N, C-alpha and C. Protein backbone atom coordinates (compact mmCIF):
# COMPACT_ATOMS: atom_id res chain seq x y z
N UNK A 1 0.85 -1.19 0.00
CA UNK A 1 0.00 0.00 0.00
C UNK A 1 0.88 1.24 0.00
N UNK A 2 0.46 2.26 -0.68
CA UNK A 2 1.20 3.51 -0.78
C UNK A 2 1.14 4.24 0.55
N UNK A 3 2.30 4.36 1.22
CA UNK A 3 2.32 5.03 2.52
C UNK A 3 2.31 6.55 2.40
N UNK A 4 2.41 7.06 1.18
CA UNK A 4 2.38 8.50 0.97
C UNK A 4 0.96 9.01 0.69
N UNK A 5 0.04 8.09 0.43
CA UNK A 5 -1.35 8.50 0.17
C UNK A 5 -1.96 9.01 1.47
N UNK A 6 -2.86 9.95 1.34
CA UNK A 6 -3.43 10.54 2.54
C UNK A 6 -4.93 10.34 2.59
N UNK A 7 -5.45 10.26 3.81
CA UNK A 7 -6.88 10.26 4.09
C UNK A 7 -7.75 9.50 3.14
N UNK A 8 -8.60 10.23 2.42
CA UNK A 8 -9.61 9.64 1.56
C UNK A 8 -9.03 8.77 0.46
N UNK A 9 -7.89 9.16 -0.08
CA UNK A 9 -7.27 8.39 -1.16
C UNK A 9 -6.85 7.01 -0.64
N UNK A 10 -6.22 6.97 0.52
CA UNK A 10 -5.78 5.70 1.12
C UNK A 10 -6.99 4.84 1.48
N UNK A 11 -8.01 5.47 2.01
CA UNK A 11 -9.24 4.75 2.38
C UNK A 11 -9.91 4.17 1.13
N UNK A 12 -9.97 4.95 0.07
CA UNK A 12 -10.57 4.49 -1.18
C UNK A 12 -9.81 3.31 -1.75
N UNK A 13 -8.47 3.36 -1.66
CA UNK A 13 -7.64 2.27 -2.13
C UNK A 13 -7.89 1.01 -1.29
N UNK A 14 -7.97 1.19 0.01
CA UNK A 14 -8.23 0.08 0.93
C UNK A 14 -9.58 -0.57 0.61
N UNK A 15 -10.59 0.26 0.42
CA UNK A 15 -11.93 -0.25 0.12
C UNK A 15 -11.98 -0.96 -1.22
N UNK A 16 -11.28 -0.43 -2.23
CA UNK A 16 -11.30 -1.08 -3.54
C UNK A 16 -10.56 -2.42 -3.47
N UNK A 17 -9.46 -2.50 -2.69
CA UNK A 17 -8.76 -3.77 -2.52
C UNK A 17 -9.65 -4.78 -1.81
N UNK A 18 -10.37 -4.31 -0.80
CA UNK A 18 -11.28 -5.19 -0.07
C UNK A 18 -12.38 -5.69 -1.01
N UNK A 19 -12.93 -4.80 -1.82
CA UNK A 19 -13.99 -5.19 -2.74
C UNK A 19 -13.48 -6.23 -3.74
N UNK A 20 -12.25 -6.06 -4.20
CA UNK A 20 -11.64 -7.05 -5.12
C UNK A 20 -11.58 -8.43 -4.46
N UNK A 21 -11.14 -8.46 -3.19
CA UNK A 21 -11.07 -9.75 -2.47
C UNK A 21 -12.44 -10.39 -2.35
N UNK A 22 -13.44 -9.58 -1.99
CA UNK A 22 -14.79 -10.12 -1.82
C UNK A 22 -15.37 -10.58 -3.15
N UNK A 23 -15.07 -9.84 -4.23
CA UNK A 23 -15.53 -10.24 -5.57
C UNK A 23 -14.94 -11.59 -5.97
N UNK A 24 -13.66 -11.81 -5.65
CA UNK A 24 -13.04 -13.08 -6.01
C UNK A 24 -13.66 -14.23 -5.21
N UNK A 25 -14.03 -13.96 -3.96
CA UNK A 25 -14.72 -14.98 -3.16
C UNK A 25 -16.10 -15.25 -3.77
N UNK A 26 -16.79 -14.18 -4.20
CA UNK A 26 -18.09 -14.34 -4.85
C UNK A 26 -17.96 -15.23 -6.09
N UNK A 27 -16.89 -15.03 -6.86
CA UNK A 27 -16.67 -15.83 -8.07
C UNK A 27 -16.57 -17.31 -7.75
N UNK A 28 -15.90 -17.64 -6.63
CA UNK A 28 -15.78 -19.05 -6.27
C UNK A 28 -17.15 -19.63 -5.92
N UNK A 29 -18.00 -18.83 -5.30
CA UNK A 29 -19.36 -19.30 -4.97
C UNK A 29 -20.19 -19.47 -6.24
N UNK A 30 -20.00 -18.57 -7.22
CA UNK A 30 -20.75 -18.66 -8.47
C UNK A 30 -20.37 -19.90 -9.27
N UNK A 31 -19.12 -20.32 -9.18
CA UNK A 31 -18.67 -21.49 -9.93
C UNK A 31 -18.78 -22.79 -9.13
N UNK A 32 -19.20 -22.69 -7.86
CA UNK A 32 -19.33 -23.88 -7.01
C UNK A 32 -20.63 -24.62 -7.31
N UNK A 33 -20.55 -25.90 -7.72
CA UNK A 33 -21.77 -26.66 -8.05
C UNK A 33 -22.72 -26.81 -6.84
N UNK A 34 -22.16 -26.70 -5.65
CA UNK A 34 -22.98 -26.80 -4.43
C UNK A 34 -24.03 -25.68 -4.38
N UNK A 35 -23.71 -24.54 -4.97
CA UNK A 35 -24.63 -23.39 -4.94
C UNK A 35 -25.32 -23.16 -6.28
N UNK A 36 -25.18 -24.09 -7.22
CA UNK A 36 -25.77 -23.95 -8.56
C UNK A 36 -27.29 -23.86 -8.52
N UNK A 37 -27.90 -24.47 -7.51
CA UNK A 37 -29.36 -24.47 -7.40
C UNK A 37 -29.91 -23.15 -6.84
N UNK A 38 -29.04 -22.36 -6.23
CA UNK A 38 -29.45 -21.12 -5.57
C UNK A 38 -30.05 -20.15 -6.58
N UNK A 39 -31.25 -19.70 -6.29
CA UNK A 39 -31.95 -18.79 -7.19
C UNK A 39 -31.34 -17.39 -7.13
N UNK A 40 -31.06 -16.79 -8.30
CA UNK A 40 -30.56 -15.42 -8.40
C UNK A 40 -29.29 -15.21 -7.57
N UNK A 41 -28.36 -16.17 -7.65
CA UNK A 41 -27.16 -16.17 -6.81
C UNK A 41 -26.30 -14.92 -7.00
N UNK A 42 -26.08 -14.49 -8.24
CA UNK A 42 -25.18 -13.35 -8.46
C UNK A 42 -25.69 -12.07 -7.80
N UNK A 43 -27.00 -11.81 -7.89
CA UNK A 43 -27.51 -10.58 -7.25
C UNK A 43 -27.51 -10.72 -5.72
N UNK A 44 -27.73 -11.92 -5.22
CA UNK A 44 -27.65 -12.13 -3.76
C UNK A 44 -26.23 -11.88 -3.28
N UNK A 45 -25.25 -12.42 -4.01
CA UNK A 45 -23.86 -12.24 -3.61
C UNK A 45 -23.47 -10.76 -3.65
N UNK A 46 -23.96 -10.02 -4.64
CA UNK A 46 -23.67 -8.59 -4.72
C UNK A 46 -24.26 -7.86 -3.51
N UNK A 47 -25.49 -8.20 -3.13
CA UNK A 47 -26.13 -7.59 -1.97
C UNK A 47 -25.36 -7.94 -0.69
N UNK A 48 -24.96 -9.22 -0.55
CA UNK A 48 -24.21 -9.65 0.64
C UNK A 48 -22.87 -8.92 0.72
N UNK A 49 -22.21 -8.72 -0.43
CA UNK A 49 -20.92 -8.02 -0.45
C UNK A 49 -21.08 -6.59 0.05
N UNK A 50 -22.12 -5.90 -0.43
CA UNK A 50 -22.35 -4.52 -0.01
C UNK A 50 -22.62 -4.44 1.48
N UNK A 51 -23.48 -5.34 1.98
CA UNK A 51 -23.80 -5.36 3.42
C UNK A 51 -22.55 -5.62 4.23
N UNK A 52 -21.76 -6.60 3.78
CA UNK A 52 -20.56 -6.98 4.51
C UNK A 52 -19.58 -5.81 4.59
N UNK A 53 -19.36 -5.14 3.46
CA UNK A 53 -18.43 -4.01 3.43
C UNK A 53 -18.92 -2.85 4.30
N UNK A 54 -20.21 -2.68 4.35
CA UNK A 54 -20.78 -1.59 5.15
C UNK A 54 -20.47 -1.75 6.64
N UNK A 55 -20.42 -3.00 7.09
CA UNK A 55 -20.23 -3.23 8.53
C UNK A 55 -18.86 -3.75 8.89
N UNK A 56 -17.95 -3.77 7.93
CA UNK A 56 -16.55 -4.08 8.23
C UNK A 56 -15.91 -2.78 8.69
N UNK A 57 -16.09 -2.47 9.96
CA UNK A 57 -15.67 -1.16 10.49
C UNK A 57 -14.17 -1.00 10.59
N UNK A 58 -13.45 -2.11 10.82
CA UNK A 58 -12.00 -1.97 10.95
C UNK A 58 -11.29 -2.10 9.60
N UNK A 59 -12.05 -2.30 8.52
CA UNK A 59 -11.52 -2.40 7.15
C UNK A 59 -10.43 -3.46 7.03
N UNK A 60 -10.54 -4.51 7.85
CA UNK A 60 -9.58 -5.61 7.80
C UNK A 60 -10.14 -6.80 7.02
N UNK A 61 -11.35 -6.65 6.47
CA UNK A 61 -11.95 -7.74 5.72
C UNK A 61 -12.72 -8.69 6.62
N UNK A 62 -13.01 -8.27 7.84
CA UNK A 62 -13.77 -9.09 8.77
C UNK A 62 -14.71 -8.20 9.58
N UNK A 63 -15.85 -8.76 9.96
CA UNK A 63 -16.78 -8.02 10.82
C UNK A 63 -16.46 -8.41 12.26
N UNK A 64 -16.11 -7.42 13.05
CA UNK A 64 -15.82 -7.70 14.46
C UNK A 64 -17.08 -7.46 15.29
N UNK A 65 -16.94 -7.58 16.60
CA UNK A 65 -18.08 -7.44 17.50
C UNK A 65 -18.75 -6.07 17.38
N UNK A 66 -17.94 -5.02 17.21
CA UNK A 66 -18.52 -3.67 17.08
C UNK A 66 -19.27 -3.52 15.76
N UNK A 67 -18.77 -4.12 14.70
CA UNK A 67 -19.46 -4.08 13.41
C UNK A 67 -20.80 -4.79 13.49
N UNK A 68 -20.81 -5.95 14.17
CA UNK A 68 -22.05 -6.70 14.36
C UNK A 68 -23.03 -5.90 15.20
N UNK A 69 -22.51 -5.27 16.25
CA UNK A 69 -23.35 -4.44 17.13
C UNK A 69 -23.99 -3.30 16.34
N UNK A 70 -23.17 -2.62 15.52
CA UNK A 70 -23.67 -1.49 14.74
C UNK A 70 -24.69 -1.95 13.69
N UNK A 71 -24.44 -3.12 13.09
CA UNK A 71 -25.37 -3.66 12.09
C UNK A 71 -26.74 -3.87 12.73
N UNK A 72 -26.77 -4.48 13.90
CA UNK A 72 -28.04 -4.77 14.55
C UNK A 72 -28.70 -3.51 15.09
N UNK A 73 -27.91 -2.56 15.57
CA UNK A 73 -28.47 -1.28 16.03
C UNK A 73 -29.13 -0.54 14.88
N UNK A 74 -28.48 -0.58 13.72
CA UNK A 74 -29.03 0.09 12.54
C UNK A 74 -30.38 -0.52 12.15
N UNK A 75 -30.53 -1.81 12.43
CA UNK A 75 -31.79 -2.49 12.15
C UNK A 75 -32.80 -2.32 13.29
N UNK A 76 -32.40 -1.56 14.33
CA UNK A 76 -33.29 -1.33 15.47
C UNK A 76 -33.33 -2.50 16.43
N UNK A 77 -32.28 -3.32 16.44
CA UNK A 77 -32.24 -4.50 17.29
C UNK A 77 -30.98 -4.50 18.15
N UNK A 78 -30.89 -3.57 19.06
CA UNK A 78 -29.72 -3.50 19.93
C UNK A 78 -29.62 -4.79 20.75
N UNK A 79 -28.42 -5.30 20.87
CA UNK A 79 -28.18 -6.55 21.60
C UNK A 79 -27.12 -6.33 22.66
N UNK A 80 -27.16 -7.16 23.72
CA UNK A 80 -26.12 -7.10 24.75
C UNK A 80 -24.85 -7.73 24.22
N UNK A 81 -23.76 -7.50 24.93
CA UNK A 81 -22.46 -8.05 24.55
C UNK A 81 -22.53 -9.58 24.49
N UNK A 82 -23.18 -10.19 25.46
CA UNK A 82 -23.30 -11.65 25.48
C UNK A 82 -24.11 -12.17 24.30
N UNK A 83 -25.20 -11.48 23.96
CA UNK A 83 -26.02 -11.88 22.81
C UNK A 83 -25.21 -11.79 21.51
N UNK A 84 -24.40 -10.73 21.40
CA UNK A 84 -23.57 -10.56 20.21
C UNK A 84 -22.54 -11.68 20.11
N UNK A 85 -21.90 -12.02 21.23
CA UNK A 85 -20.91 -13.10 21.22
C UNK A 85 -21.55 -14.43 20.85
N UNK A 86 -22.78 -14.65 21.34
CA UNK A 86 -23.48 -15.89 21.03
C UNK A 86 -23.80 -15.95 19.52
N UNK A 87 -24.28 -14.83 18.97
CA UNK A 87 -24.56 -14.77 17.53
C UNK A 87 -23.31 -15.03 16.71
N UNK A 88 -22.21 -14.39 17.13
CA UNK A 88 -20.96 -14.54 16.39
C UNK A 88 -20.50 -15.99 16.42
N UNK A 89 -20.54 -16.64 17.58
CA UNK A 89 -20.07 -18.02 17.66
C UNK A 89 -21.00 -18.95 16.88
N UNK A 90 -22.29 -18.59 16.80
CA UNK A 90 -23.24 -19.37 16.01
C UNK A 90 -22.89 -19.31 14.52
N UNK A 91 -22.43 -18.14 14.08
CA UNK A 91 -22.09 -17.96 12.67
C UNK A 91 -20.77 -18.64 12.33
N UNK A 92 -19.74 -18.43 13.15
CA UNK A 92 -18.41 -18.95 12.84
C UNK A 92 -18.17 -20.35 13.37
N UNK A 93 -19.04 -20.82 14.28
CA UNK A 93 -18.89 -22.17 14.83
C UNK A 93 -17.74 -22.31 15.81
N UNK A 94 -17.30 -21.19 16.40
CA UNK A 94 -16.16 -21.22 17.31
C UNK A 94 -16.32 -20.09 18.31
N UNK A 95 -16.34 -20.42 19.60
CA UNK A 95 -16.57 -19.39 20.62
C UNK A 95 -15.34 -18.51 20.83
N UNK A 96 -14.17 -18.95 20.41
CA UNK A 96 -12.97 -18.15 20.64
C UNK A 96 -12.71 -17.15 19.51
N UNK A 97 -13.40 -17.29 18.40
CA UNK A 97 -13.18 -16.41 17.25
C UNK A 97 -13.92 -15.08 17.47
N UNK A 98 -13.23 -13.99 17.22
CA UNK A 98 -13.77 -12.66 17.51
C UNK A 98 -14.29 -11.91 16.28
N UNK A 99 -14.20 -12.53 15.10
CA UNK A 99 -14.64 -11.85 13.88
C UNK A 99 -15.37 -12.83 12.96
N UNK A 100 -16.16 -12.24 12.05
CA UNK A 100 -16.88 -13.03 11.04
C UNK A 100 -16.20 -12.74 9.70
N UNK A 101 -15.62 -13.77 9.10
CA UNK A 101 -15.00 -13.59 7.78
C UNK A 101 -16.10 -13.57 6.73
N UNK A 102 -15.75 -13.13 5.54
CA UNK A 102 -16.74 -13.08 4.45
C UNK A 102 -17.22 -14.48 4.10
N UNK A 103 -16.32 -15.46 4.12
CA UNK A 103 -16.73 -16.85 3.86
C UNK A 103 -17.73 -17.34 4.91
N UNK A 104 -17.47 -17.03 6.19
CA UNK A 104 -18.41 -17.41 7.26
C UNK A 104 -19.77 -16.76 7.00
N UNK A 105 -19.72 -15.48 6.61
CA UNK A 105 -20.94 -14.71 6.36
C UNK A 105 -21.74 -15.34 5.21
N UNK A 106 -21.05 -15.67 4.11
CA UNK A 106 -21.73 -16.28 2.96
C UNK A 106 -22.25 -17.67 3.30
N UNK A 107 -21.47 -18.44 4.03
CA UNK A 107 -21.93 -19.78 4.43
C UNK A 107 -23.19 -19.69 5.26
N UNK A 108 -23.25 -18.66 6.12
CA UNK A 108 -24.44 -18.46 6.94
C UNK A 108 -25.64 -18.07 6.06
N UNK A 109 -25.43 -17.10 5.17
CA UNK A 109 -26.54 -16.57 4.37
C UNK A 109 -27.03 -17.57 3.32
N UNK A 110 -26.13 -18.39 2.80
CA UNK A 110 -26.51 -19.34 1.75
C UNK A 110 -26.74 -20.75 2.29
N UNK A 111 -26.39 -20.97 3.55
CA UNK A 111 -26.52 -22.31 4.13
C UNK A 111 -27.96 -22.64 4.50
N UNK A 112 -28.17 -23.88 4.82
CA UNK A 112 -29.52 -24.35 5.18
C UNK A 112 -29.85 -24.03 6.63
N UNK A 113 -28.81 -23.89 7.46
CA UNK A 113 -29.03 -23.64 8.87
C UNK A 113 -29.54 -22.20 9.07
N UNK A 114 -30.51 -22.04 9.93
CA UNK A 114 -31.06 -20.70 10.17
C UNK A 114 -30.45 -20.09 11.43
N UNK A 115 -29.33 -19.40 11.26
CA UNK A 115 -28.72 -18.68 12.36
C UNK A 115 -29.58 -17.45 12.66
N UNK A 116 -29.53 -17.01 13.90
CA UNK A 116 -30.32 -15.83 14.31
C UNK A 116 -30.00 -14.64 13.42
N UNK A 117 -28.71 -14.40 13.17
CA UNK A 117 -28.30 -13.26 12.36
C UNK A 117 -28.84 -13.38 10.94
N UNK A 118 -28.84 -14.57 10.38
CA UNK A 118 -29.37 -14.78 9.03
C UNK A 118 -30.85 -14.40 8.99
N UNK A 119 -31.60 -14.86 9.98
CA UNK A 119 -33.03 -14.55 10.03
C UNK A 119 -33.26 -13.05 10.12
N UNK A 120 -32.46 -12.38 10.94
CA UNK A 120 -32.59 -10.92 11.10
C UNK A 120 -32.30 -10.22 9.77
N UNK A 121 -31.22 -10.61 9.10
CA UNK A 121 -30.84 -9.96 7.85
C UNK A 121 -31.83 -10.25 6.73
N UNK A 122 -32.36 -11.47 6.69
CA UNK A 122 -33.35 -11.80 5.66
C UNK A 122 -34.63 -11.00 5.90
N UNK A 123 -35.02 -10.88 7.16
CA UNK A 123 -36.21 -10.10 7.51
C UNK A 123 -36.01 -8.65 7.11
N UNK A 124 -34.81 -8.12 7.38
CA UNK A 124 -34.51 -6.73 7.03
C UNK A 124 -34.55 -6.56 5.52
N UNK A 125 -34.05 -7.52 4.78
CA UNK A 125 -34.05 -7.46 3.31
C UNK A 125 -35.45 -7.46 2.76
N UNK A 126 -36.33 -8.30 3.34
CA UNK A 126 -37.72 -8.35 2.87
C UNK A 126 -38.43 -7.03 3.17
N UNK A 127 -38.14 -6.44 4.33
CA UNK A 127 -38.75 -5.17 4.69
C UNK A 127 -38.34 -4.08 3.72
N UNK A 128 -37.07 -4.10 3.29
CA UNK A 128 -36.58 -3.08 2.35
C UNK A 128 -37.30 -3.17 1.01
N UNK A 129 -37.57 -4.41 0.55
CA UNK A 129 -38.24 -4.58 -0.73
C UNK A 129 -39.65 -3.99 -0.68
N UNK A 130 -40.31 -4.12 0.47
CA UNK A 130 -41.67 -3.61 0.59
C UNK A 130 -41.69 -2.11 0.80
N UNK A 131 -40.59 -1.56 1.34
CA UNK A 131 -40.54 -0.14 1.67
C UNK A 131 -40.02 0.74 0.54
N UNK A 132 -39.91 0.23 -0.66
CA UNK A 132 -39.39 1.03 -1.77
C UNK A 132 -40.35 2.19 -2.04
N UNK A 133 -39.96 3.36 -1.53
CA UNK A 133 -40.78 4.56 -1.71
C UNK A 133 -40.02 5.52 -2.60
N UNK A 134 -40.59 6.68 -2.82
CA UNK A 134 -39.89 7.70 -3.59
C UNK A 134 -38.61 8.07 -2.85
N UNK A 135 -37.53 8.09 -3.55
CA UNK A 135 -36.27 8.47 -2.93
C UNK A 135 -35.85 9.88 -3.36
N UNK A 136 -36.81 10.62 -3.89
CA UNK A 136 -36.55 11.99 -4.29
C UNK A 136 -36.45 12.86 -3.04
N UNK A 137 -35.74 13.96 -3.14
CA UNK A 137 -35.66 14.86 -1.99
C UNK A 137 -37.04 15.44 -1.68
N UNK A 138 -37.26 15.83 -0.43
CA UNK A 138 -38.56 16.40 -0.09
C UNK A 138 -38.83 17.67 -0.90
N UNK A 139 -40.10 17.96 -1.13
CA UNK A 139 -40.43 19.13 -1.93
C UNK A 139 -40.03 20.40 -1.18
N UNK A 140 -39.73 21.41 -1.96
CA UNK A 140 -39.26 22.68 -1.39
C UNK A 140 -40.40 23.39 -0.66
N UNK A 141 -40.10 23.88 0.52
CA UNK A 141 -41.10 24.58 1.34
C UNK A 141 -41.09 26.07 0.99
N UNK A 142 -42.27 26.68 1.11
CA UNK A 142 -42.37 28.13 0.90
C UNK A 142 -42.85 28.74 2.20
N UNK A 143 -42.92 30.09 2.26
CA UNK A 143 -43.40 30.76 3.47
C UNK A 143 -44.85 30.38 3.75
N UNK A 144 -45.62 30.10 2.73
CA UNK A 144 -47.02 29.74 2.90
C UNK A 144 -47.18 28.41 3.64
N UNK A 145 -46.13 27.56 3.59
CA UNK A 145 -46.18 26.26 4.26
C UNK A 145 -45.92 26.35 5.74
N UNK A 146 -45.39 27.47 6.21
CA UNK A 146 -45.05 27.60 7.63
C UNK A 146 -46.32 27.64 8.49
N UNK A 147 -46.24 27.07 9.69
CA UNK A 147 -47.43 27.06 10.55
C UNK A 147 -47.79 28.43 11.09
């Protein structure tokens, strides 16, 4: 990595490198016969990649406990530290592991097992599809609109 790059430029480079890594993992899932039956796999993988990158707060390519906490808070589901640790160990299958890798995340989302986090994220995804409203900026107010 270029140690002379500053601020936003270095961050953008870091994010693009991370996206490249996640895209290559997505490619392996797309070519895996185990997931060939999965409906609309490429668009699901793209959505999972975006979600994963959004909550990878330390930009190390893994979601840590704080990223998981923030993800659930954003969904309006604040959890205690113990609940978060339980969710994380359920996803990664190891109580000593402190982060969720992208492979763990995809295995959870595409697997048959219904982890709590998977159910929460699927529910959130379904809610978003139903909530597609106008995303235009609010109309301009005039003096006549004031109370």
